Amino acid sequence: MSKEREDGSHKVIVCPITHTPPEKGQSAVEIPYKVAQSLKLDHDQMWIKTHQVNTLEWEKDRLPYGISLTPRGEWEYGMLPYGLREKMYEQVEHNRAENQLGVVKRDENPESVKKK
């Protein structure tokens, strides 16, 4: 998700993808092998973390690797199948509503995790 600011920069919120299985109490969506192949990810098992999101600030005209502007003006990395994307969104929203969503501000201090 991305929103353009007055100066043309974007504050972007992304769910991290990891090879590490979720621990007890953490939510994640397993990425099926065929989806990983279509996204050109490696062959090892992966999960989309949904108990934590990363926030990034991208300067105006800075196009990060692997990110492209969609026709609606939203930023996406690859395309997740509808069902997988909806499951991810539902889990993130549930964690946010329960005040259990960790937020890592990657541009400030990558080691700090704050609850929203």
C-alpha atoms as a PDB file:
ATOM      1  CA  MET A   1       0.000   0.000   0.000  1.00  0.00           C
ATOM      2  CA  SER A   2       1.284   3.463  -0.839  1.00  0.00           C
ATOM      3  CA  LYS A   3       0.088   7.019  -0.490  1.00  0.00           C
ATOM      4  CA  GLU A   4       1.716   9.960  -2.231  1.00  0.00           C
ATOM      5  CA  ARG A   5       2.541  12.923  -0.008  1.00  0.00           C
ATOM      6  CA  GLU A   6       2.605  16.610  -0.952  1.00  0.00           C
ATOM      7  CA  ASP A   7       6.353  16.479  -1.697  1.00  0.00           C
ATOM      8  CA  GLY A   8       5.856  13.509  -4.043  1.00  0.00           C
ATOM      9  CA  SER A   9       7.345  10.958  -1.652  1.00  0.00           C
ATOM     10  CA  HIS A  10       5.457   7.818  -0.712  1.00  0.00           C
ATOM     11  CA  LYS A  11       4.949   6.160   2.658  1.00  0.00           C
ATOM     12  CA  VAL A  12       4.728   2.472   1.832  1.00  0.00           C
ATOM     13  CA  ILE A  13       3.463  -0.352   4.028  1.00  0.00           C
ATOM     14  CA  VAL A  14       4.529  -3.893   3.116  1.00  0.00           C
ATOM     15  CA  CYS A  15       4.221  -7.354   4.605  1.00  0.00           C
ATOM     16  CA  PRO A  16       7.600  -9.082   4.820  1.00  0.00           C
ATOM     17  CA  ILE A  17       8.205 -12.456   3.166  1.00  0.00           C
ATOM     18  CA  THR A  18      10.411 -14.898   5.061  1.00  0.00           C
ATOM     19  CA  HIS A  19      11.728 -18.469   4.993  1.00  0.00           C
ATOM     20  CA  THR A  20      11.310 -18.644   8.772  1.00  0.00           C
ATOM     21  CA  PRO A  21       8.080 -20.384   9.809  1.00  0.00           C
ATOM     22  CA  PRO A  22       5.839 -18.353  12.128  1.00  0.00           C
ATOM     23  CA  GLU A  23       6.402 -18.907  15.824  1.00  0.00           C
ATOM     24  CA  LYS A  24       3.631 -19.604  18.298  1.00  0.00           C
ATOM     25  CA  GLY A  25       1.353 -16.553  18.469  1.00  0.00           C
ATOM     26  CA  GLN A  26       2.503 -15.163  15.116  1.00  0.00           C
ATOM     27  CA  SER A  27       0.269 -15.130  12.054  1.00  0.00           C
ATOM     28  CA  ALA A  28       1.481 -15.727   8.536  1.00  0.00           C
ATOM     29  CA  VAL A  29       0.207 -16.916   5.182  1.00  0.00           C
ATOM     30  CA  GLU A  30       2.103 -19.767   3.560  1.00  0.00           C
ATOM     31  CA  ILE A  31       3.062 -19.055  -0.051  1.00  0.00           C
ATOM     32  CA  PRO A  32       2.217 -22.028  -2.283  1.00  0.00           C
ATOM     33  CA  TYR A  33       5.082 -23.322  -4.433  1.00  0.00           C
ATOM     34  CA  LYS A  34       3.377 -22.384  -7.733  1.00  0.00           C
ATOM     35  CA  VAL A  35       2.817 -18.810  -6.523  1.00  0.00           C
ATOM     36  CA  ALA A  36       6.466 -18.546  -5.440  1.00  0.00           C
ATOM     37  CA  GLN A  37       7.509 -19.728  -8.908  1.00  0.00           C
ATOM     38  CA  SER A  38       5.320 -17.118 -10.620  1.00  0.00           C
ATOM     39  CA  LEU A  39       6.857 -14.377  -8.420  1.00  0.00           C
ATOM     40  CA  LYS A  40      10.339 -15.684  -9.281  1.00  0.00           C
ATOM     41  CA  LEU A  41      11.083 -16.471  -5.637  1.00  0.00           C
ATOM     42  CA  ASP A  42      13.417 -19.331  -4.727  1.00  0.00           C
ATOM     43  CA  HIS A  43      12.333 -22.932  -4.152  1.00  0.00           C
ATOM     44  CA  ASP A  44      12.387 -22.925  -0.344  1.00  0.00           C
ATOM     45  CA  GLN A  45       9.144 -22.657   1.631  1.00  0.00           C
ATOM     46  CA  MET A  46       8.089 -19.076   2.417  1.00  0.00           C
ATOM     47  CA  TRP A  47       5.530 -17.209   4.467  1.00  0.00           C
ATOM     48  CA  ILE A  48       4.071 -13.718   4.313  1.00  0.00           C
ATOM     49  CA  LYS A  49       4.194 -12.300   7.845  1.00  0.00           C
ATOM     50  CA  THR A  50       0.860 -10.798   8.833  1.00  0.00           C
ATOM     51  CA  HIS A  51       1.571 -10.048  12.498  1.00  0.00           C
ATOM     52  CA  GLN A  52       4.090  -7.402  11.440  1.00  0.00           C
ATOM     53  CA  VAL A  53       4.383  -4.863   8.617  1.00  0.00           C
ATOM     54  CA  ASN A  54       7.293  -2.763   7.426  1.00  0.00           C
ATOM     55  CA  THR A  55       6.954   0.938   6.651  1.00  0.00           C
ATOM     56  CA  LEU A  56       9.252   2.620   4.156  1.00  0.00           C
ATOM     57  CA  GLU A  57       9.487   6.132   2.845  1.00  0.00           C
ATOM     58  CA  TRP A  58      10.400   6.436  -0.824  1.00  0.00           C
ATOM     59  CA  GLU A  59      11.503   9.788  -2.142  1.00  0.00           C
ATOM     60  CA  LYS A  60       9.866  11.342  -5.182  1.00  0.00           C
ATOM     61  CA  ASP A  61      10.893   9.644  -8.429  1.00  0.00           C
ATOM     62  CA  ARG A  62      12.743   6.892  -6.562  1.00  0.00           C
ATOM     63  CA  LEU A  63      11.611   3.594  -8.039  1.00  0.00           C
ATOM     64  CA  PRO A  64      12.729   0.676  -5.855  1.00  0.00           C
ATOM     65  CA  TYR A  65      13.852  -2.567  -7.476  1.00  0.00           C
ATOM     66  CA  GLY A  66      10.955  -4.933  -8.123  1.00  0.00           C
ATOM     67  CA  ILE A  67       8.266  -2.299  -7.663  1.00  0.00           C
ATOM     68  CA  SER A  68       6.187  -0.828 -10.455  1.00  0.00           C
ATOM     69  CA  LEU A  69       3.378   1.703 -10.551  1.00  0.00           C
ATOM     70  CA  THR A  70       0.033   0.090 -11.356  1.00  0.00           C
ATOM     71  CA  PRO A  71      -2.622   1.856 -13.434  1.00  0.00           C
ATOM     72  CA  ARG A  72      -4.616   2.766 -10.290  1.00  0.00           C
ATOM     73  CA  GLY A  73      -1.582   4.434  -8.746  1.00  0.00           C
ATOM     74  CA  GLU A  74      -0.961   1.750  -6.129  1.00  0.00           C
ATOM     75  CA  TRP A  75       2.414   0.077  -5.651  1.00  0.00           C
ATOM     76  CA  GLU A  76       2.615  -3.713  -5.811  1.00  0.00           C
ATOM     77  CA  TYR A  77       5.401  -6.277  -6.022  1.00  0.00           C
ATOM     78  CA  GLY A  78       4.200  -9.063  -8.257  1.00  0.00           C
ATOM     79  CA  MET A  79       0.627 -10.239  -8.182  1.00  0.00           C
ATOM     80  CA  LEU A  80      -0.730 -12.542  -5.517  1.00  0.00           C
ATOM     81  CA  PRO A  81      -3.740 -14.707  -6.348  1.00  0.00           C
ATOM     82  CA  TYR A  82      -6.972 -13.169  -5.057  1.00  0.00           C
ATOM     83  CA  GLY A  83      -7.571 -15.737  -2.292  1.00  0.00           C
ATOM     84  CA  LEU A  84      -4.018 -15.491  -0.948  1.00  0.00           C
ATOM     85  CA  ARG A  85      -4.082 -11.676  -1.021  1.00  0.00           C
ATOM     86  CA  GLU A  86      -7.448 -11.567   0.763  1.00  0.00           C
ATOM     87  CA  LYS A  87      -6.233 -13.980   3.454  1.00  0.00           C
ATOM     88  CA  MET A  88      -3.170 -11.754   3.979  1.00  0.00           C
ATOM     89  CA  TYR A  89      -5.281  -8.576   4.207  1.00  0.00           C
ATOM     90  CA  GLU A  90      -7.769 -10.227   6.603  1.00  0.00           C
ATOM     91  CA  GLN A  91      -5.014 -11.376   8.964  1.00  0.00           C
ATOM     92  CA  VAL A  92      -3.280  -7.984   8.944  1.00  0.00           C
ATOM     93  CA  GLU A  93      -6.583  -6.191   9.575  1.00  0.00           C
ATOM     94  CA  HIS A  94      -7.472  -8.612  12.387  1.00  0.00           C
ATOM     95  CA  ASN A  95      -4.077  -8.030  14.049  1.00  0.00           C
ATOM     96  CA  ARG A  96      -4.500  -4.263  13.663  1.00  0.00           C
ATOM     97  CA  ALA A  97      -8.011  -4.346  15.155  1.00  0.00           C
ATOM     98  CA  GLU A  98      -6.723  -6.420  18.090  1.00  0.00           C
ATOM     99  CA  ASN A  99      -3.768  -4.026  18.597  1.00  0.00           C
ATOM    100  CA  GLN A 100      -1.395  -6.913  17.838  1.00  0.00           C
ATOM    101  CA  LEU A 101       0.176  -5.614  14.619  1.00  0.00           C
ATOM    102  CA  GLY A 102       3.904  -4.931  14.864  1.00  0.00           C
ATOM    103  CA  VAL A 103       5.214  -2.045  12.785  1.00  0.00           C
ATOM    104  CA  VAL A 104       8.886  -1.869  11.792  1.00  0.00           C
ATOM    105  CA  LYS A 105       9.999   1.512  10.467  1.00  0.00           C
ATOM    106  CA  ARG A 106      12.743   0.411   8.084  1.00  0.00           C
ATOM    107  CA  ASP A 107      13.953   3.911   7.210  1.00  0.00           C
ATOM    108  CA  GLU A 108      14.477   4.933  10.828  1.00  0.00           C
ATOM    109  CA  ASN A 109      15.667   2.039  12.976  1.00  0.00           C
ATOM    110  CA  PRO A 110      15.264  -1.456  11.507  1.00  0.00           C
ATOM    111  CA  GLU A 111      15.659  -3.084  14.915  1.00  0.00           C
ATOM    112  CA  SER A 112      12.729  -1.281  16.488  1.00  0.00           C
ATOM    113  CA  VAL A 113       9.321  -2.892  16.401  1.00  0.00           C
ATOM    114  CA  LYS A 114       6.408  -0.795  17.603  1.00  0.00           C
ATOM    115  CA  LYS A 115       2.828  -1.884  18.242  1.00  0.00           C
ATOM    116  CA  LYS A 116       0.174   0.306  16.723  1.00  0.00           C
END
